[in-house]
Amino acid sequence: MAANNRRMSGKKGAQVGSGGQRRKGLEGKGPTPPAEMRKGHKKNRIAGAKAKQAVRRPAPRGRGGKSTSELVVGRNPVVEALREGVPASTLYVQQFIDNDERVREALQLAAERGGINLMEAPRPELDRMTNGLNHQGLVLQVPPYEYAHPEDLADAAADDGEDPLIVALDGVTDPRNLGAVVRSVSAFGGHGVVVPERRAAGMTAGAWKTSAGTAARTPVARATNLTRALEAYKKAGIVVVGLAADGEAELGDLEALAGPVVIVVGSEGKGLSRLVGETCDFRVRIPMPGGAESLNAGVAAGIVLYEAARRRV
């Protein structure tokens, strides 16, 4: 038995394998993470302390022309927001996170853009920050949006020697529709978008993404009272045109689009509110021979803006 044991313990013959661990040990571990993400580094300790303070600090309330800050939560939403150029102030990364492709891409995009703070935080802090949402270890903070004043849009057009071309949204609550309208205004040479302060979509991360970056150069103004803002535009000599399925005239017959105009678009379901509809100089309809009852705000605004731009050439 002793001889058999000696033969089996030699170098030849069956051996206990490493399970591929030696091979794995030779594989690369990817690019070196930034100092803020390396455990034990001075910048990592500083970032961790800042993260705890930021998470525990209550979010600022919107005042005047500012919205409150917003959080984009989850690996895919964070990566998509960074790809689309959504403004961001801080990227929070969970401590000891599994470093998959999405985490690496988020870190790379944040580093390439610059100006985005990288904060490492323990999972309980991120849970508290997101109210228990499934953040998957990645949270992106979007800074408050700086809204313009409705008068600023007309003033900017005057400074450029152009007739104002403005879109106002009445009761549109989907941020993606707002983003689509901003994109159309930019495409057809408009001067901005007006939204009500309450019960309306604001410039969230979703609106930024849908705008495809055009929100960076097309201002969005917020009106405390949309009806009063439209009345102020009328006093300044700007024609207010409301889109309505039962409008008295068709879009192609409206000569006012060639001059200073505000186009008011209502929600897909309810259309224009009563007071806003009564404030409009004209209520026009978009002819739809296909029989559809209505169009969403983004599509409707794009059609009217194209017609206005065509008349202004």
Protein backbone atom coordinates (compact mmCIF):
# COMPACT_ATOMS: atom_id res chain seq x y z
CA MET A 1 0.00 0.00 0.00
CA ALA A 2 2.84 2.32 0.80
CA ALA A 3 4.37 1.71 -2.62
CA ASN A 4 1.06 2.41 -4.33
CA ASN A 5 0.70 5.68 -2.44
CA ARG A 6 4.16 6.76 -3.51
CA ARG A 7 3.40 6.06 -7.15
CA MET A 8 0.14 8.06 -7.05
CA SER A 9 1.74 11.01 -5.33
CA GLY A 10 4.39 11.42 -8.04
CA LYS A 11 4.30 14.05 -10.73
CA LYS A 12 3.09 11.64 -13.38
CA GLY A 13 -0.46 10.36 -13.61
CA ALA A 14 -3.77 11.98 -12.65
CA GLN A 15 -3.57 15.31 -10.83
CA VAL A 16 -6.12 17.61 -9.23
CA GLY A 17 -6.86 20.38 -11.77
CA SER A 18 -6.93 24.14 -11.19
CA GLY A 19 -10.35 24.50 -12.80
CA GLY A 20 -8.98 27.04 -15.26
CA GLN A 21 -8.14 29.48 -12.49
CA ARG A 22 -4.54 29.85 -13.60
CA ARG A 23 -5.69 30.73 -17.08
CA LYS A 24 -8.19 33.24 -15.70
CA GLY A 25 -5.47 34.80 -13.64
CA LEU A 26 -3.56 35.61 -16.80
CA GLU A 27 -6.50 37.38 -18.41
CA GLY A 28 -6.65 41.18 -18.45
CA LYS A 29 -8.99 42.92 -16.03
CA GLY A 30 -9.79 45.85 -18.27
CA PRO A 31 -8.69 49.48 -17.96
CA THR A 32 -7.62 50.81 -14.60
CA PRO A 33 -10.61 52.46 -12.91
CA PRO A 34 -10.33 56.14 -11.98
CA ALA A 35 -8.82 57.02 -8.62
CA GLU A 36 -12.27 57.78 -7.18
CA MET A 37 -13.23 54.12 -7.74
CA ARG A 38 -10.07 52.44 -6.39
CA LYS A 39 -10.51 51.18 -2.85
CA GLY A 40 -7.94 52.62 -0.43
CA HIS A 41 -7.04 55.57 -2.65
CA LYS A 42 -7.28 59.00 -1.04
CA LYS A 43 -9.67 60.24 -3.73
CA ASN A 44 -11.86 57.19 -3.12
CA ARG A 45 -12.21 58.07 0.56
CA ILE A 46 -13.00 61.70 -0.24
CA ALA A 47 -15.57 60.68 -2.87
CA GLY A 48 -17.22 58.28 -0.44
CA ALA A 49 -17.58 60.97 2.20
CA LYS A 50 -19.05 63.40 -0.33
CA ALA A 51 -21.46 60.76 -1.58
CA LYS A 52 -22.85 60.15 1.90
CA GLN A 53 -23.37 63.87 2.40
CA ALA A 54 -25.03 64.27 -0.98
CA VAL A 55 -27.34 61.31 -0.51
CA ARG A 56 -28.51 62.47 2.91
CA ARG A 57 -29.02 66.05 1.83
CA PRO A 58 -32.65 66.73 0.75
CA ALA A 59 -33.20 67.52 -2.92
CA PRO A 60 -33.56 71.24 -3.70
CA ARG A 61 -37.00 72.59 -4.40
CA GLY A 62 -37.67 74.31 -7.68
CA ARG A 63 -37.89 78.09 -7.38
CA GLY A 64 -38.35 80.65 -10.08
CA GLY A 65 -36.95 79.39 -13.36
CA LYS A 66 -35.40 76.19 -12.02
CA SER A 67 -36.69 72.66 -11.79
CA THR A 68 -35.56 70.21 -9.14
CA SER A 69 -32.70 67.80 -9.77
CA GLU A 70 -33.60 64.38 -11.14
CA LEU A 71 -32.17 60.87 -10.77
CA VAL A 72 -31.76 58.40 -13.61
CA VAL A 73 -31.75 54.92 -12.07
CA GLY A 74 -30.48 51.58 -13.43
CA ARG A 75 -27.61 50.46 -15.64
CA ASN A 76 -29.32 50.65 -19.04
CA PRO A 77 -31.09 54.01 -18.41
CA VAL A 78 -27.87 55.56 -17.08
CA VAL A 79 -25.82 54.40 -20.07
CA GLU A 80 -28.50 55.57 -22.53
CA ALA A 81 -28.71 58.99 -20.84
CA LEU A 82 -24.95 59.41 -21.03
CA ARG A 83 -24.92 58.33 -24.68
CA GLU A 84 -27.59 60.91 -25.56
CA GLY A 85 -25.74 63.74 -23.86
CA VAL A 86 -28.27 64.30 -21.08
CA PRO A 87 -26.74 66.89 -18.71
CA ALA A 88 -25.41 65.23 -15.57
CA SER A 89 -23.64 66.44 -12.48
CA THR A 90 -22.82 63.22 -10.62
CA LEU A 91 -22.56 59.51 -11.37
CA TYR A 92 -23.05 57.39 -8.25
CA VAL A 93 -21.55 53.90 -8.35
CA GLN A 94 -22.21 51.25 -5.74
CA GLN A 95 -19.26 49.96 -3.78
CA PHE A 96 -18.03 46.49 -4.82
CA ILE A 97 -20.27 46.54 -7.88
CA ASP A 98 -20.00 43.79 -10.51
CA ASN A 99 -17.95 45.47 -13.21
CA ASP A 100 -19.89 44.47 -16.35
CA GLU A 101 -19.87 46.14 -19.78
CA ARG A 102 -22.56 48.67 -18.88
CA VAL A 103 -20.75 49.80 -15.75
CA ARG A 104 -17.50 50.17 -17.68
CA GLU A 105 -19.24 52.11 -20.45
CA ALA A 106 -20.95 54.43 -17.96
CA LEU A 107 -17.60 55.20 -16.31
CA GLN A 108 -15.93 55.75 -19.67
CA LEU A 109 -18.67 58.05 -20.98
CA ALA A 110 -18.67 60.08 -17.78
CA ALA A 111 -14.89 60.45 -17.93
CA GLU A 112 -14.90 61.43 -21.61
CA ARG A 113 -17.56 64.10 -21.16
CA GLY A 114 -15.84 65.70 -18.18
CA GLY A 115 -17.52 67.76 -15.51
CA ILE A 116 -19.34 64.74 -14.06
CA ASN A 117 -18.38 63.83 -10.51
CA LEU A 118 -17.80 60.15 -9.77
CA MET A 119 -19.05 59.11 -6.36
CA GLU A 120 -18.79 55.65 -4.82
CA ALA A 121 -21.49 54.90 -2.27
CA PRO A 122 -22.59 51.83 -0.31
CA ARG A 123 -25.77 50.11 -1.44
CA PRO A 124 -27.90 51.25 1.54
CA GLU A 125 -27.15 54.87 0.67
CA LEU A 126 -28.20 54.36 -2.96
CA ASP A 127 -31.33 52.51 -1.79
CA ARG A 128 -32.20 55.50 0.37
CA MET A 129 -31.47 57.96 -2.42
CA THR A 130 -33.71 56.13 -4.92
CA ASN A 131 -36.47 55.22 -2.44
CA GLY A 132 -35.77 51.53 -2.91
CA LEU A 133 -35.84 51.44 -6.73
CA ASN A 134 -33.81 48.80 -8.54
CA HIS A 135 -30.80 51.00 -9.26
CA GLN A 136 -28.47 48.07 -10.09
CA GLY A 137 -25.61 50.03 -8.58
CA LEU A 138 -25.74 53.01 -10.97
CA VAL A 139 -27.49 56.35 -10.34
CA LEU A 140 -27.06 59.47 -12.47
CA GLN A 141 -27.98 62.89 -11.09
CA VAL A 142 -29.36 65.37 -13.61
CA PRO A 143 -29.02 69.01 -12.50
CA PRO A 144 -32.01 71.38 -12.34
CA TYR A 145 -33.05 72.74 -15.74
CA GLU A 146 -32.77 76.50 -16.22
CA TYR A 147 -36.08 77.60 -17.75
CA ALA A 148 -36.36 80.78 -19.77
CA HIS A 149 -39.13 83.35 -19.34
CA PRO A 150 -41.79 83.41 -22.12
CA GLU A 151 -40.78 86.97 -23.02
CA ASP A 152 -37.20 85.84 -23.57
CA LEU A 153 -38.23 83.77 -26.61
CA ALA A 154 -39.79 86.74 -28.41
CA ASP A 155 -36.86 88.96 -27.44
CA ALA A 156 -34.38 86.46 -28.89
CA ALA A 157 -36.26 86.44 -32.19
CA ALA A 158 -36.23 90.25 -32.28
CA ASP A 159 -32.49 90.29 -31.60
CA ASP A 160 -32.01 88.05 -34.65
CA GLY A 161 -34.25 90.26 -36.78
CA GLU A 162 -36.79 87.44 -37.22
CA ASP A 163 -40.52 87.02 -36.63
CA PRO A 164 -41.10 84.87 -33.54
CA LEU A 165 -42.01 81.23 -34.17
CA ILE A 166 -42.92 79.70 -30.81
CA VAL A 167 -44.77 76.57 -29.71
CA ALA A 168 -46.82 76.52 -26.49
CA LEU A 169 -48.00 73.24 -24.97
CA ASP A 170 -51.32 73.06 -23.13
CA GLY A 171 -51.84 70.00 -20.93
CA VAL A 172 -49.07 67.90 -22.49
CA THR A 173 -47.75 65.70 -19.68
CA ASP A 174 -45.48 63.22 -21.48
CA PRO A 175 -41.83 64.37 -21.37
CA ARG A 176 -41.14 62.47 -24.59
CA ASN A 177 -43.69 64.62 -26.40
CA LEU A 178 -42.01 67.72 -25.03
CA GLY A 179 -38.64 66.44 -26.24
CA ALA A 180 -40.08 65.72 -29.69
CA VAL A 181 -41.53 69.24 -29.90
CA VAL A 182 -38.20 70.77 -28.89
CA ARG A 183 -36.52 68.74 -31.63
CA SER A 184 -39.04 69.94 -34.24
CA VAL A 185 -38.74 73.57 -33.14
CA SER A 186 -34.99 73.33 -33.58
CA ALA A 187 -35.29 71.61 -36.97
CA PHE A 188 -37.64 74.23 -38.44
CA GLY A 189 -36.00 77.37 -37.09
CA GLY A 190 -38.32 78.08 -34.18
CA HIS A 191 -37.38 80.19 -31.19
CA GLY A 192 -38.48 78.04 -28.29
CA VAL A 193 -41.21 76.20 -26.42
CA VAL A 194 -43.49 77.41 -23.61
CA VAL A 195 -44.90 75.00 -21.01
CA PRO A 196 -47.14 75.70 -18.00
CA GLU A 197 -45.59 75.50 -14.57
CA ARG A 198 -48.14 72.97 -13.30
CA ARG A 199 -49.70 69.79 -14.65
CA ALA A 200 -47.35 69.72 -17.60
CA ALA A 201 -44.24 67.90 -18.77
CA GLY A 202 -40.92 69.46 -17.82
CA MET A 203 -37.39 69.10 -19.08
CA THR A 204 -36.60 65.76 -17.50
CA ALA A 205 -33.96 63.27 -18.61
CA GLY A 206 -36.62 61.64 -20.81
CA ALA A 207 -37.33 64.93 -22.59
CA TRP A 208 -33.60 65.55 -23.08
CA LYS A 209 -33.15 62.10 -24.64
CA THR A 210 -36.06 62.52 -27.05
CA SER A 211 -34.81 65.94 -28.10
CA ALA A 212 -31.63 64.23 -29.36
CA GLY A 213 -29.43 67.00 -27.99
CA THR A 214 -31.40 69.91 -29.50
CA ALA A 215 -32.53 70.98 -26.01
CA ALA A 216 -29.03 72.36 -25.54
CA ARG A 217 -29.74 75.11 -28.11
CA THR A 218 -33.53 75.47 -28.07
CA PRO A 219 -34.85 77.22 -24.95
CA VAL A 220 -37.86 76.03 -23.00
CA ALA A 221 -39.77 78.69 -21.05
CA ARG A 222 -42.10 78.05 -18.16
CA ALA A 223 -45.22 80.15 -17.63
CA THR A 224 -46.93 80.51 -14.27
CA ASN A 225 -50.21 80.97 -16.16
CA LEU A 226 -50.31 79.93 -19.82
CA THR A 227 -53.37 82.01 -20.67
CA ARG A 228 -51.75 85.21 -19.37
CA ALA A 229 -48.55 84.38 -21.24
CA LEU A 230 -50.51 84.04 -24.49
CA GLU A 231 -52.32 87.32 -23.83
CA ALA A 232 -48.93 89.01 -23.34
CA TYR A 233 -47.77 87.61 -26.68
CA LYS A 234 -50.91 89.01 -28.36
CA LYS A 235 -50.25 92.45 -26.90
CA ALA A 236 -46.76 92.27 -28.38
CA GLY A 237 -48.26 91.74 -31.84
CA ILE A 238 -47.81 87.98 -32.06
CA VAL A 239 -50.70 85.93 -33.48
CA VAL A 240 -51.80 82.99 -31.32
CA VAL A 241 -52.92 79.92 -33.29
CA GLY A 242 -54.46 76.93 -31.53
CA LEU A 243 -54.65 73.45 -33.02
CA ALA A 244 -58.07 71.84 -32.62
CA ALA A 245 -59.82 68.96 -34.34
CA ASP A 246 -62.92 71.16 -34.73
CA GLY A 247 -61.00 74.26 -35.81
CA GLU A 248 -62.76 76.79 -38.03
CA ALA A 249 -60.04 76.76 -40.70
CA GLU A 250 -57.62 74.31 -42.23
CA LEU A 251 -53.89 74.65 -41.68
CA GLY A 252 -53.09 75.28 -45.34
CA ASP A 253 -55.39 78.31 -45.45
CA LEU A 254 -53.78 80.14 -42.52
CA GLU A 255 -51.66 83.04 -43.78
CA ALA A 256 -50.72 84.04 -40.24
CA LEU A 257 -48.02 81.33 -40.17
CA ALA A 258 -45.85 83.53 -42.37
CA GLY A 259 -45.53 86.16 -39.63
CA PRO A 260 -44.97 86.31 -35.86
CA VAL A 261 -46.90 83.40 -34.41
CA VAL A 262 -47.34 81.20 -31.36
CA ILE A 263 -48.64 77.71 -32.13
CA VAL A 264 -50.59 76.20 -29.23
CA VAL A 265 -50.80 72.42 -29.08
CA GLY A 266 -53.10 70.64 -26.63
CA SER A 267 -53.06 67.13 -25.26
CA GLU A 268 -53.95 64.22 -27.50
CA GLY A 269 -56.98 63.28 -25.43
CA LYS A 270 -58.51 66.57 -24.26
CA GLY A 271 -57.10 69.04 -26.76
CA LEU A 272 -56.98 72.70 -25.80
CA SER A 273 -58.39 73.79 -22.46
CA ARG A 274 -61.37 76.16 -22.59
CA LEU A 275 -59.55 79.33 -21.50
CA VAL A 276 -56.58 78.71 -23.76
CA GLY A 277 -58.87 77.98 -26.71
CA GLU A 278 -60.77 81.22 -26.13
CA THR A 279 -57.51 83.17 -26.00
CA CYS A 280 -56.35 81.98 -29.44
CA ASP A 281 -56.81 84.33 -32.42
CA PHE A 282 -57.41 81.33 -34.69
CA ARG A 283 -58.29 77.69 -34.14
CA VAL A 284 -57.15 75.52 -37.02
CA ARG A 285 -57.31 71.85 -37.86
CA ILE A 286 -54.82 69.60 -39.62
CA PRO A 287 -56.56 67.78 -42.50
CA MET A 288 -56.26 64.00 -42.02
CA PRO A 289 -57.76 62.15 -45.00
CA GLY A 290 -56.75 58.84 -43.44
CA GLY A 291 -59.44 59.19 -40.80
CA ALA A 292 -57.33 59.37 -37.64
CA GLU A 293 -59.07 61.25 -34.85
CA SER A 294 -55.97 62.97 -33.46
CA LEU A 295 -52.19 63.21 -33.52
CA ASN A 296 -49.83 63.32 -30.57
CA ALA A 297 -48.34 66.67 -29.68
CA GLY A 298 -44.93 65.95 -31.17
CA VAL A 299 -46.28 64.97 -34.59
CA ALA A 300 -48.85 67.79 -34.72
CA ALA A 301 -46.28 70.43 -33.82
CA GLY A 302 -43.86 69.10 -36.44
CA ILE A 303 -46.48 69.38 -39.21
CA VAL A 304 -47.40 72.97 -38.34
CA LEU A 305 -43.77 74.02 -37.90
CA TYR A 306 -42.93 72.63 -41.33
CA GLU A 307 -45.79 74.62 -42.87
CA ALA A 308 -44.65 77.77 -41.08
CA ALA A 309 -41.03 77.28 -42.17
CA ARG A 310 -42.15 76.69 -45.79
CA ARG A 311 -44.05 79.97 -45.82
CA ARG A 312 -41.10 81.88 -44.38
CA VAL A 313 -38.55 80.88 -47.01
